[in-house]
Amino acid sequence: MTDLHLGLIPLFFKRRAKLEEIDWDNLPPTTVPESAQVRVRGFTNGEAAEKLGHVVVEYVGIMGSFFDLSLLEGVTVAVDYDAALASIDQGMDGLGSGPIDRPAMM
């Protein structure tokens, strides 16, 4: 593990088991399909984006050992949320094609 992602594991597993109770060397096989892709978009620092992508791949794989992610097609991490959402095929015509309505930030 690198400094880039220390501290994220407790967020995922805090209520399921104590970290010291998990046998990290003998996790069940991941349910993430080999065809699943991680996309990192809009970062100006290519090296940081690549590192982030590798961290996301690692953690999604770990989560796939605890949750059924067999239908996962991909994960997108983006600087511009609206543009990234609009570019993702959501499986139905019209989804992601219009403006995103959200409450005003205070």
PDB file of N, CA and C in Angstrom:
ATOM      1  N   MET A   1       0.840  -1.181   0.000  1.00  0.00           N
ATOM      2  CA  MET A   1       0.000   0.000   0.000  1.00  0.00           C
ATOM      3  C   MET A   1       0.887   1.246   0.000  1.00  0.00           C
ATOM      4  N   THR A   2       0.407   2.290  -0.655  1.00  0.00           N
ATOM      5  CA  THR A   2       1.174   3.525  -0.708  1.00  0.00           C
ATOM      6  C   THR A   2       0.474   4.603   0.105  1.00  0.00           C
ATOM      7  N   ASP A   3       1.184   5.685   0.352  1.00  0.00           N
ATOM      8  CA  ASP A   3       0.613   6.801   1.096  1.00  0.00           C
ATOM      9  C   ASP A   3      -0.590   7.401   0.382  1.00  0.00           C
ATOM     10  N   LEU A   4      -0.685   7.181  -0.933  1.00  0.00           N
ATOM     11  CA  LEU A   4      -1.743   7.775  -1.733  1.00  0.00           C
ATOM     12  C   LEU A   4      -3.127   7.328  -1.294  1.00  0.00           C
ATOM     13  N   HIS A   5      -3.241   6.133  -0.738  1.00  0.00           N
ATOM     14  CA  HIS A   5      -4.568   5.632  -0.414  1.00  0.00           C
ATOM     15  C   HIS A   5      -4.704   5.040   0.977  1.00  0.00           C
ATOM     16  N   LEU A   6      -3.768   5.290   1.858  1.00  0.00           N
ATOM     17  CA  LEU A   6      -3.925   4.834   3.235  1.00  0.00           C
ATOM     18  C   LEU A   6      -5.116   5.533   3.866  1.00  0.00           C
ATOM     19  N   GLY A   7      -5.855   4.818   4.657  1.00  0.00           N
ATOM     20  CA  GLY A   7      -6.990   5.399   5.350  1.00  0.00           C
ATOM     21  C   GLY A   7      -8.307   5.243   4.627  1.00  0.00           C
ATOM     22  N   LEU A   8      -8.326   4.772   3.389  1.00  0.00           N
ATOM     23  CA  LEU A   8      -9.582   4.595   2.673  1.00  0.00           C
ATOM     24  C   LEU A   8     -10.276   3.290   3.035  1.00  0.00           C
ATOM     25  N   ILE A   9      -9.522   2.258   3.342  1.00  0.00           N
ATOM     26  CA  ILE A   9     -10.119   0.957   3.646  1.00  0.00           C
ATOM     27  C   ILE A   9     -11.128   1.050   4.785  1.00  0.00           C
ATOM     28  N   PRO A  10     -10.829   1.745   5.886  1.00  0.00           N
ATOM     29  CA  PRO A  10     -11.819   1.799   6.966  1.00  0.00           C
ATOM     30  C   PRO A  10     -13.163   2.377   6.540  1.00  0.00           C
ATOM     31  N   LEU A  11     -13.184   3.266   5.558  1.00  0.00           N
ATOM     32  CA  LEU A  11     -14.453   3.818   5.093  1.00  0.00           C
ATOM     33  C   LEU A  11     -15.343   2.740   4.505  1.00  0.00           C
ATOM     34  N   PHE A  12     -14.756   1.761   3.835  1.00  0.00           N
ATOM     35  CA  PHE A  12     -15.526   0.714   3.179  1.00  0.00           C
ATOM     36  C   PHE A  12     -15.944  -0.394   4.135  1.00  0.00           C
ATOM     37  N   PHE A  13     -15.109  -0.718   5.094  1.00  0.00           N
ATOM     38  CA  PHE A  13     -15.326  -1.918   5.887  1.00  0.00           C
ATOM     39  C   PHE A  13     -15.580  -1.640   7.365  1.00  0.00           C
ATOM     40  N   LYS A  14     -15.748  -0.411   7.729  1.00  0.00           N
ATOM     41  CA  LYS A  14     -15.868  -0.017   9.128  1.00  0.00           C
ATOM     42  C   LYS A  14     -16.942  -0.815   9.870  1.00  0.00           C
ATOM     43  N   ARG A  15     -18.072  -1.024   9.270  1.00  0.00           N
ATOM     44  CA  ARG A  15     -19.182  -1.682   9.953  1.00  0.00           C
ATOM     45  C   ARG A  15     -19.246  -3.178   9.685  1.00  0.00           C
ATOM     46  N   ARG A  16     -18.478  -3.682   8.758  1.00  0.00           N
ATOM     47  CA  ARG A  16     -18.561  -5.100   8.407  1.00  0.00           C
ATOM     48  C   ARG A  16     -17.633  -5.947   9.258  1.00  0.00           C
ATOM     49  N   ALA A  17     -16.459  -5.496   9.527  1.00  0.00           N
ATOM     50  CA  ALA A  17     -15.490  -6.261  10.312  1.00  0.00           C
ATOM     51  C   ALA A  17     -14.397  -5.314  10.768  1.00  0.00           C
ATOM     52  N   LYS A  18     -13.748  -5.694  11.836  1.00  0.00           N
ATOM     53  CA  LYS A  18     -12.593  -4.920  12.262  1.00  0.00           C
ATOM     54  C   LYS A  18     -11.447  -5.235  11.319  1.00  0.00           C
ATOM     55  N   LEU A  19     -10.674  -4.226  10.982  1.00  0.00           N
ATOM     56  CA  LEU A  19      -9.597  -4.409  10.009  1.00  0.00           C
ATOM     57  C   LEU A  19      -8.650  -5.518  10.403  1.00  0.00           C
ATOM     58  N   GLU A  20      -8.337  -5.619  11.678  1.00  0.00           N
ATOM     59  CA  GLU A  20      -7.385  -6.648  12.098  1.00  0.00           C
ATOM     60  C   GLU A  20      -7.977  -8.053  12.008  1.00  0.00           C
ATOM     61  N   GLU A  21      -9.301  -8.170  11.835  1.00  0.00           N
ATOM     62  CA  GLU A  21      -9.941  -9.482  11.708  1.00  0.00           C
ATOM     63  C   GLU A  21      -9.949  -9.983  10.265  1.00  0.00           C
ATOM     64  N   ILE A  22      -9.638  -9.133   9.322  1.00  0.00           N
ATOM     65  CA  ILE A  22      -9.675  -9.516   7.905  1.00  0.00           C
ATOM     66  C   ILE A  22      -8.338 -10.117   7.511  1.00  0.00           C
ATOM     67  N   ASP A  23      -8.378 -11.274   6.887  1.00  0.00           N
ATOM     68  CA  ASP A  23      -7.161 -11.930   6.391  1.00  0.00           C
ATOM     69  C   ASP A  23      -6.891 -11.394   4.983  1.00  0.00           C
ATOM     70  N   TRP A  24      -6.172 -10.285   4.906  1.00  0.00           N
ATOM     71  CA  TRP A  24      -5.959  -9.581   3.647  1.00  0.00           C
ATOM     72  C   TRP A  24      -5.194 -10.414   2.626  1.00  0.00           C
ATOM     73  N   ASP A  25      -4.435 -11.393   3.069  1.00  0.00           N
ATOM     74  CA  ASP A  25      -3.667 -12.229   2.139  1.00  0.00           C
ATOM     75  C   ASP A  25      -4.497 -13.364   1.555  1.00  0.00           C
ATOM     76  N   ASN A  26      -5.682 -13.598   2.084  1.00  0.00           N
ATOM     77  CA  ASN A  26      -6.516 -14.712   1.622  1.00  0.00           C
ATOM     78  C   ASN A  26      -7.959 -14.278   1.410  1.00  0.00           C
ATOM     79  N   LEU A  27      -8.146 -13.174   0.704  1.00  0.00           N
ATOM     80  CA  LEU A  27      -9.492 -12.708   0.393  1.00  0.00           C
ATOM     81  C   LEU A  27     -10.138 -13.641  -0.620  1.00  0.00           C
ATOM     82  N   PRO A  28     -11.472 -13.718  -0.623  1.00  0.00           N
ATOM     83  CA  PRO A  28     -12.142 -14.477  -1.679  1.00  0.00           C
ATOM     84  C   PRO A  28     -11.829 -13.844  -3.037  1.00  0.00           C
ATOM     85  N   PRO A  29     -11.983 -14.587  -4.114  1.00  0.00           N
ATOM     86  CA  PRO A  29     -11.740 -14.003  -5.444  1.00  0.00           C
ATOM     87  C   PRO A  29     -12.657 -12.796  -5.668  1.00  0.00           C
ATOM     88  N   THR A  30     -12.144 -11.810  -6.378  1.00  0.00           N
ATOM     89  CA  THR A  30     -12.960 -10.639  -6.675  1.00  0.00           C
ATOM     90  C   THR A  30     -14.058 -11.004  -7.666  1.00  0.00           C
ATOM     91  N   THR A  31     -15.173 -10.314  -7.569  1.00  0.00           N
ATOM     92  CA  THR A  31     -16.280 -10.525  -8.501  1.00  0.00           C
ATOM     93  C   THR A  31     -16.259  -9.508  -9.639  1.00  0.00           C
ATOM     94  N   VAL A  32     -15.263  -8.619  -9.648  1.00  0.00           N
ATOM     95  CA  VAL A  32     -15.164  -7.604 -10.701  1.00  0.00           C
ATOM     96  C   VAL A  32     -14.774  -8.290 -12.008  1.00  0.00           C
ATOM     97  N   PRO A  33     -15.562  -8.100 -13.070  1.00  0.00           N
ATOM     98  CA  PRO A  33     -15.215  -8.730 -14.347  1.00  0.00           C
ATOM     99  C   PRO A  33     -13.925  -8.154 -14.931  1.00  0.00           C
ATOM    100  N   GLU A  34     -13.191  -8.978 -15.633  1.00  0.00           N
ATOM    101  CA  GLU A  34     -11.940  -8.521 -16.255  1.00  0.00           C
ATOM    102  C   GLU A  34     -12.184  -7.419 -17.276  1.00  0.00           C
ATOM    103  N   SER A  35     -13.388  -7.359 -17.815  1.00  0.00           N
ATOM    104  CA  SER A  35     -13.707  -6.349 -18.829  1.00  0.00           C
ATOM    105  C   SER A  35     -14.003  -4.973 -18.224  1.00  0.00           C
ATOM    106  N   ALA A  36     -14.176  -4.883 -16.907  1.00  0.00           N
ATOM    107  CA  ALA A  36     -14.455  -3.591 -16.265  1.00  0.00           C
ATOM    108  C   ALA A  36     -13.264  -2.656 -16.455  1.00  0.00           C
ATOM    109  N   GLN A  37     -13.567  -1.387 -16.676  1.00  0.00           N
ATOM    110  CA  GLN A  37     -12.517  -0.403 -16.935  1.00  0.00           C
ATOM    111  C   GLN A  37     -12.591   0.736 -15.930  1.00  0.00           C
ATOM    112  N   VAL A  38     -11.450   1.309 -15.623  1.00  0.00           N
ATOM    113  CA  VAL A  38     -11.379   2.517 -14.805  1.00  0.00           C
ATOM    114  C   VAL A  38     -10.906   3.642 -15.712  1.00  0.00           C
ATOM    115  N   ARG A  39     -11.665   4.732 -15.712  1.00  0.00           N
ATOM    116  CA  ARG A  39     -11.309   5.896 -16.518  1.00  0.00           C
ATOM    117  C   ARG A  39     -11.053   7.071 -15.582  1.00  0.00           C
ATOM    118  N   VAL A  40      -9.947   7.754 -15.795  1.00  0.00           N
ATOM    119  CA  VAL A  40      -9.610   8.954 -15.033  1.00  0.00           C
ATOM    120  C   VAL A  40      -9.544  10.086 -16.047  1.00  0.00           C
ATOM    121  N   ARG A  41     -10.402  11.104 -15.863  1.00  0.00           N
ATOM    122  CA  ARG A  41     -10.544  12.140 -16.882  1.00  0.00           C
ATOM    123  C   ARG A  41     -10.345  13.537 -16.323  1.00  0.00           C
ATOM    124  N   GLY A  42      -9.730  14.387 -17.131  1.00  0.00           N
ATOM    125  CA  GLY A  42      -9.662  15.807 -16.843  1.00  0.00           C
ATOM    126  C   GLY A  42      -8.555  16.248 -15.904  1.00  0.00           C
ATOM    127  N   PHE A  43      -7.645  15.363 -15.555  1.00  0.00           N
ATOM    128  CA  PHE A  43      -6.551  15.739 -14.663  1.00  0.00           C
ATOM    129  C   PHE A  43      -5.412  16.336 -15.486  1.00  0.00           C
ATOM    130  N   THR A  44      -4.817  17.421 -15.016  1.00  0.00           N
ATOM    131  CA  THR A  44      -3.714  18.044 -15.742  1.00  0.00           C
ATOM    132  C   THR A  44      -2.396  17.333 -15.474  1.00  0.00           C
ATOM    133  N   ASN A  45      -2.290  16.648 -14.361  1.00  0.00           N
ATOM    134  CA  ASN A  45      -1.079  15.909 -14.016  1.00  0.00           C
ATOM    135  C   ASN A  45      -1.285  14.442 -14.387  1.00  0.00           C
ATOM    136  N   GLY A  46      -0.721  14.040 -15.516  1.00  0.00           N
ATOM    137  CA  GLY A  46      -0.901  12.680 -16.014  1.00  0.00           C
ATOM    138  C   GLY A  46      -0.383  11.614 -15.070  1.00  0.00           C
ATOM    139  N   GLU A  47       0.743  11.898 -14.423  1.00  0.00           N
ATOM    140  CA  GLU A  47       1.321  10.916 -13.497  1.00  0.00           C
ATOM    141  C   GLU A  47       0.394  10.693 -12.296  1.00  0.00           C
ATOM    142  N   ALA A  48      -0.147  11.767 -11.755  1.00  0.00           N
ATOM    143  CA  ALA A  48      -1.074  11.652 -10.624  1.00  0.00           C
ATOM    144  C   ALA A  48      -2.348  10.929 -11.048  1.00  0.00           C
ATOM    145  N   ALA A  49      -2.833  11.228 -12.256  1.00  0.00           N
ATOM    146  CA  ALA A  49      -4.032  10.560 -12.760  1.00  0.00           C
ATOM    147  C   ALA A  49      -3.802   9.061 -12.902  1.00  0.00           C
ATOM    148  N   GLU A  50      -2.630   8.686 -13.409  1.00  0.00           N
ATOM    149  CA  GLU A  50      -2.318   7.264 -13.563  1.00  0.00           C
ATOM    150  C   GLU A  50      -2.239   6.570 -12.202  1.00  0.00           C
ATOM    151  N   LYS A  51      -1.598   7.215 -11.232  1.00  0.00           N
ATOM    152  CA  LYS A  51      -1.516   6.642  -9.881  1.00  0.00           C
ATOM    153  C   LYS A  51      -2.909   6.482  -9.280  1.00  0.00           C
ATOM    154  N   LEU A  52      -3.739   7.512  -9.443  1.00  0.00           N
ATOM    155  CA  LEU A  52      -5.100   7.445  -8.929  1.00  0.00           C
ATOM    156  C   LEU A  52      -5.861   6.294  -9.579  1.00  0.00           C
ATOM    157  N   GLY A  53      -5.706   6.137 -10.884  1.00  0.00           N
ATOM    158  CA  GLY A  53      -6.363   5.037 -11.583  1.00  0.00           C
ATOM    159  C   GLY A  53      -5.960   3.684 -11.032  1.00  0.00           C
ATOM    160  N   HIS A  54      -4.672   3.503 -10.750  1.00  0.00           N
ATOM    161  CA  HIS A  54      -4.200   2.231 -10.192  1.00  0.00           C
ATOM    162  C   HIS A  54      -4.766   1.992  -8.795  1.00  0.00           C
ATOM    163  N   VAL A  55      -4.870   3.052  -8.003  1.00  0.00           N
ATOM    164  CA  VAL A  55      -5.443   2.928  -6.658  1.00  0.00           C
ATOM    165  C   VAL A  55      -6.913   2.524  -6.748  1.00  0.00           C
ATOM    166  N   VAL A  56      -7.653   3.158  -7.663  1.00  0.00           N
ATOM    167  CA  VAL A  56      -9.067   2.833  -7.836  1.00  0.00           C
ATOM    168  C   VAL A  56      -9.219   1.377  -8.265  1.00  0.00           C
ATOM    169  N   VAL A  57      -8.390   0.923  -9.205  1.00  0.00           N
ATOM    170  CA  VAL A  57      -8.438  -0.480  -9.641  1.00  0.00           C
ATOM    171  C   VAL A  57      -8.220  -1.407  -8.447  1.00  0.00           C
ATOM    172  N   GLU A  58      -7.219  -1.088  -7.633  1.00  0.00           N
ATOM    173  CA  GLU A  58      -6.900  -1.933  -6.475  1.00  0.00           C
ATOM    174  C   GLU A  58      -8.075  -2.009  -5.501  1.00  0.00           C
ATOM    175  N   TYR A  59      -8.650  -0.863  -5.176  1.00  0.00           N
ATOM    176  CA  TYR A  59      -9.732  -0.853  -4.201  1.00  0.00           C
ATOM    177  C   TYR A  59     -11.035  -1.422  -4.741  1.00  0.00           C
ATOM    178  N   VAL A  60     -11.326  -1.204  -5.997  1.00  0.00           N
ATOM    179  CA  VAL A  60     -12.519  -1.813  -6.582  1.00  0.00           C
ATOM    180  C   VAL A  60     -12.361  -3.334  -6.556  1.00  0.00           C
ATOM    181  N   GLY A  61     -11.166  -3.814  -6.853  1.00  0.00           N
ATOM    182  CA  GLY A  61     -10.909  -5.250  -6.775  1.00  0.00           C
ATOM    183  C   GLY A  61     -11.118  -5.784  -5.371  1.00  0.00           C
ATOM    184  N   ILE A  62     -10.646  -5.053  -4.374  1.00  0.00           N
ATOM    185  CA  ILE A  62     -10.844  -5.472  -2.978  1.00  0.00           C
ATOM    186  C   ILE A  62     -12.331  -5.472  -2.633  1.00  0.00           C
ATOM    187  N   MET A  63     -13.033  -4.416  -3.022  1.00  0.00           N
ATOM    188  CA  MET A  63     -14.471  -4.364  -2.730  1.00  0.00           C
ATOM    189  C   MET A  63     -15.213  -5.506  -3.415  1.00  0.00           C
ATOM    190  N   GLY A  64     -14.717  -5.930  -4.583  1.00  0.00           N
ATOM    191  CA  GLY A  64     -15.323  -7.052  -5.286  1.00  0.00           C
ATOM    192  C   GLY A  64     -15.157  -8.373  -4.564  1.00  0.00           C
ATOM    193  N   SER A  65     -14.277  -8.424  -3.574  1.00  0.00           N
ATOM    194  CA  SER A  65     -14.145  -9.620  -2.737  1.00  0.00           C
ATOM    195  C   SER A  65     -15.191  -9.639  -1.627  1.00  0.00           C
ATOM    196  N   PHE A  66     -15.788  -8.490  -1.347  1.00  0.00           N
ATOM    197  CA  PHE A  66     -16.775  -8.378  -0.273  1.00  0.00           C
ATOM    198  C   PHE A  66     -18.193  -8.179  -0.801  1.00  0.00           C
ATOM    199  N   PHE A  67     -18.322  -7.583  -1.993  1.00  0.00           N
ATOM    200  CA  PHE A  67     -19.619  -7.282  -2.582  1.00  0.00           C
ATOM    201  C   PHE A  67     -19.677  -7.881  -3.983  1.00  0.00           C
ATOM    202  N   ASP A  68     -20.885  -8.197  -4.443  1.00  0.00           N
ATOM    203  CA  ASP A  68     -21.034  -8.723  -5.797  1.00  0.00           C
ATOM    204  C   ASP A  68     -20.974  -7.568  -6.797  1.00  0.00           C
ATOM    205  N   LEU A  69     -19.852  -7.453  -7.480  1.00  0.00           N
ATOM    206  CA  LEU A  69     -19.669  -6.415  -8.498  1.00  0.00           C
ATOM    207  C   LEU A  69     -19.580  -7.036  -9.892  1.00  0.00           C
ATOM    208  N   SER A  70     -20.182  -8.193 -10.054  1.00  0.00           N
ATOM    209  CA  SER A  70     -20.053  -8.932 -11.312  1.00  0.00           C
ATOM    210  C   SER A  70     -20.683  -8.214 -12.504  1.00  0.00           C
ATOM    211  N   LEU A  71     -21.567  -7.275 -12.264  1.00  0.00           N
ATOM    212  CA  LEU A  71     -22.194  -6.535 -13.366  1.00  0.00           C
ATOM    213  C   LEU A  71     -21.544  -5.178 -13.616  1.00  0.00           C
ATOM    214  N   LEU A  72     -20.476  -4.889 -12.885  1.00  0.00           N
ATOM    215  CA  LEU A  72     -19.793  -3.604 -13.029  1.00  0.00           C
ATOM    216  C   LEU A  72     -19.155  -3.487 -14.410  1.00  0.00           C
ATOM    217  N   GLU A  73     -19.470  -2.409 -15.104  1.00  0.00           N
ATOM    218  CA  GLU A  73     -18.859  -2.160 -16.411  1.00  0.00           C
ATOM    219  C   GLU A  73     -17.644  -1.260 -16.289  1.00  0.00           C
ATOM    220  N   GLY A  74     -17.674  -0.343 -15.332  1.00  0.00           N
ATOM    221  CA  GLY A  74     -16.541   0.547 -15.185  1.00  0.00           C
ATOM    222  C   GLY A  74     -16.739   1.555 -14.083  1.00  0.00           C
ATOM    223  N   VAL A  75     -15.656   2.267 -13.803  1.00  0.00           N
ATOM    224  CA  VAL A  75     -15.640   3.336 -12.814  1.00  0.00           C
ATOM    225  C   VAL A  75     -14.999   4.540 -13.492  1.00  0.00           C
ATOM    226  N   THR A  76     -15.623   5.690 -13.356  1.00  0.00           N
ATOM    227  CA  THR A  76     -15.069   6.915 -13.921  1.00  0.00           C
ATOM    228  C   THR A  76     -14.790   7.898 -12.792  1.00  0.00           C
ATOM    229  N   VAL A  77     -13.568   8.409 -12.766  1.00  0.00           N
ATOM    230  CA  VAL A  77     -13.167   9.447 -11.822  1.00  0.00           C
ATOM    231  C   VAL A  77     -12.841  10.660 -12.682  1.00  0.00           C
ATOM    232  N   ALA A  78     -13.512  11.787 -12.411  1.00  0.00           N
ATOM    233  CA  ALA A  78     -13.331  12.934 -13.297  1.00  0.00           C
ATOM    234  C   ALA A  78     -13.334  14.248 -12.536  1.00  0.00           C
ATOM    235  N   VAL A  79     -12.607  15.195 -13.082  1.00  0.00           N
ATOM    236  CA  VAL A  79     -12.592  16.552 -12.546  1.00  0.00           C
ATOM    237  C   VAL A  79     -13.928  17.231 -12.856  1.00  0.00           C
ATOM    238  N   ASP A  80     -14.428  17.069 -14.062  1.00  0.00           N
ATOM    239  CA  ASP A  80     -15.691  17.679 -14.492  1.00  0.00           C
ATOM    240  C   ASP A  80     -16.790  16.620 -14.434  1.00  0.00           C
ATOM    241  N   TYR A  81     -17.510  16.585 -13.326  1.00  0.00           N
ATOM    242  CA  TYR A  81     -18.534  15.574 -13.097  1.00  0.00           C
ATOM    243  C   TYR A  81     -19.601  15.591 -14.190  1.00  0.00           C
ATOM    244  N   ASP A  82     -20.115  16.771 -14.524  1.00  0.00           N
ATOM    245  CA  ASP A  82     -21.184  16.867 -15.511  1.00  0.00           C
ATOM    246  C   ASP A  82     -20.759  16.309 -16.867  1.00  0.00           C
ATOM    247  N   ALA A  83     -19.569  16.679 -17.330  1.00  0.00           N
ATOM    248  CA  ALA A  83     -19.085  16.192 -18.629  1.00  0.00           C
ATOM    249  C   ALA A  83     -18.869  14.684 -18.590  1.00  0.00           C
ATOM    250  N   ALA A  84     -18.328  14.188 -17.491  1.00  0.00           N
ATOM    251  CA  ALA A  84     -18.096  12.746 -17.378  1.00  0.00           C
ATOM    252  C   ALA A  84     -19.413  11.990 -17.379  1.00  0.00           C
ATOM    253  N   LEU A  85     -20.392  12.482 -16.635  1.00  0.00           N
ATOM    254  CA  LEU A  85     -21.689  11.823 -16.579  1.00  0.00           C
ATOM    255  C   LEU A  85     -22.362  11.819 -17.945  1.00  0.00           C
ATOM    256  N   ALA A  86     -22.254  12.926 -18.667  1.00  0.00           N
ATOM    257  CA  ALA A  86     -22.865  13.015 -19.994  1.00  0.00           C
ATOM    258  C   ALA A  86     -22.204  12.064 -20.985  1.00  0.00           C
ATOM    259  N   SER A  87     -20.937  11.715 -20.753  1.00  0.00           N
ATOM    260  CA  SER A  87     -20.218  10.862 -21.703  1.00  0.00           C
ATOM    261  C   SER A  87     -20.413   9.371 -21.451  1.00  0.00           C
ATOM    262  N   ILE A  88     -21.028   9.021 -20.335  1.00  0.00           N
ATOM    263  CA  ILE A  88     -21.188   7.612 -19.981  1.00  0.00           C
ATOM    264  C   ILE A  88     -22.471   7.069 -20.586  1.00  0.00           C
ATOM    265  N   ASP A  89     -22.388   5.904 -21.201  1.00  0.00           N
ATOM    266  CA  ASP A  89     -23.569   5.228 -21.727  1.00  0.00           C
ATOM    267  C   ASP A  89     -24.349   4.686 -20.538  1.00  0.00           C
ATOM    268  N   GLN A  90     -25.538   5.241 -20.304  1.00  0.00           N
ATOM    269  CA  GLN A  90     -26.325   4.863 -19.134  1.00  0.00           C
ATOM    270  C   GLN A  90     -27.350   3.780 -19.453  1.00  0.00           C
ATOM    271  N   GLY A  91     -27.329   3.268 -20.665  1.00  0.00           N
ATOM    272  CA  GLY A  91     -28.194   2.148 -21.006  1.00  0.00           C
ATOM    273  C   GLY A  91     -29.577   2.520 -21.499  1.00  0.00           C
ATOM    274  N   MET A  92     -29.933   3.797 -21.431  1.00  0.00           N
ATOM    275  CA  MET A  92     -31.241   4.229 -21.913  1.00  0.00           C
ATOM    276  C   MET A  92     -31.064   5.532 -22.678  1.00  0.00           C
ATOM    277  N   ASP A  93     -31.754   5.646 -23.795  1.00  0.00           N
ATOM    278  CA  ASP A  93     -31.678   6.877 -24.570  1.00  0.00           C
ATOM    279  C   ASP A  93     -32.148   8.059 -23.730  1.00  0.00           C
ATOM    280  N   GLY A  94     -31.424   9.161 -23.816  1.00  0.00           N
ATOM    281  CA  GLY A  94     -31.809  10.381 -23.126  1.00  0.00           C
ATOM    282  C   GLY A  94     -31.171  10.576 -21.770  1.00  0.00           C
ATOM    283  N   LEU A  95     -30.725   9.507 -21.133  1.00  0.00           N
ATOM    284  CA  LEU A  95     -30.067   9.665 -19.838  1.00  0.00           C
ATOM    285  C   LEU A  95     -28.705  10.293 -20.045  1.00  0.00           C
ATOM    286  N   GLY A  96     -28.406  11.290 -19.269  1.00  0.00           N
ATOM    287  CA  GLY A  96     -27.107  11.946 -19.351  1.00  0.00           C
ATOM    288  C   GLY A  96     -26.982  12.922 -20.501  1.00  0.00           C
ATOM    289  N   SER A  97     -28.069  13.145 -21.248  1.00  0.00           N
ATOM    290  CA  SER A  97     -27.961  14.019 -22.416  1.00  0.00           C
ATOM    291  C   SER A  97     -28.364  15.463 -22.126  1.00  0.00           C
ATOM    292  N   GLY A  98     -29.013  15.704 -21.004  1.00  0.00           N
ATOM    293  CA  GLY A  98     -29.453  17.057 -20.692  1.00  0.00           C
ATOM    294  C   GLY A  98     -28.698  17.635 -19.517  1.00  0.00           C
ATOM    295  N   PRO A  99     -29.045  18.866 -19.167  1.00  0.00           N
ATOM    296  CA  PRO A  99     -28.379  19.483 -18.013  1.00  0.00           C
ATOM    297  C   PRO A  99     -28.735  18.742 -16.727  1.00  0.00           C
ATOM    298  N   ILE A 100     -27.842  18.810 -15.777  1.00  0.00           N
ATOM    299  CA  ILE A 100     -28.051  18.144 -14.499  1.00  0.00           C
ATOM    300  C   ILE A 100     -28.654  19.148 -13.532  1.00  0.00           C
ATOM    301  N   ASP A 101     -29.815  18.807 -12.988  1.00  0.00           N
ATOM    302  CA  ASP A 101     -30.461  19.674 -12.005  1.00  0.00           C
ATOM    303  C   ASP A 101     -29.995  19.272 -10.617  1.00  0.00           C
ATOM    304  N   ARG A 102     -29.530  20.243  -9.861  1.00  0.00           N
ATOM    305  CA  ARG A 102     -29.172  19.983  -8.468  1.00  0.00           C
ATOM    306  C   ARG A 102     -29.481  21.222  -7.650  1.00  0.00           C
ATOM    307  N   PRO A 103     -29.721  21.023  -6.377  1.00  0.00           N
ATOM    308  CA  PRO A 103     -30.031  22.182  -5.535  1.00  0.00           C
ATOM    309  C   PRO A 103     -28.857  23.145  -5.460  1.00  0.00           C
ATOM    310  N   ALA A 104     -29.179  24.404  -5.260  1.00  0.00           N
ATOM    311  CA  ALA A 104     -28.132  25.425  -5.136  1.00  0.00           C
ATOM    312  C   ALA A 104     -27.317  25.170  -3.881  1.00  0.00           C
ATOM    313  N   MET A 105     -26.021  25.396  -4.003  1.00  0.00           N
ATOM    314  CA  MET A 105     -25.126  25.233  -2.860  1.00  0.00           C
ATOM    315  C   MET A 105     -25.234  26.466  -1.975  1.00  0.00           C
ATOM    316  N   MET A 106     -25.208  26.267  -0.696  1.00  0.00           N
ATOM    317  CA  MET A 106     -25.285  27.403   0.231  1.00  0.00           C
ATOM    318  C   MET A 106     -23.924  27.861   0.628  1.00  0.00           C
TER     319      MET A 106
END
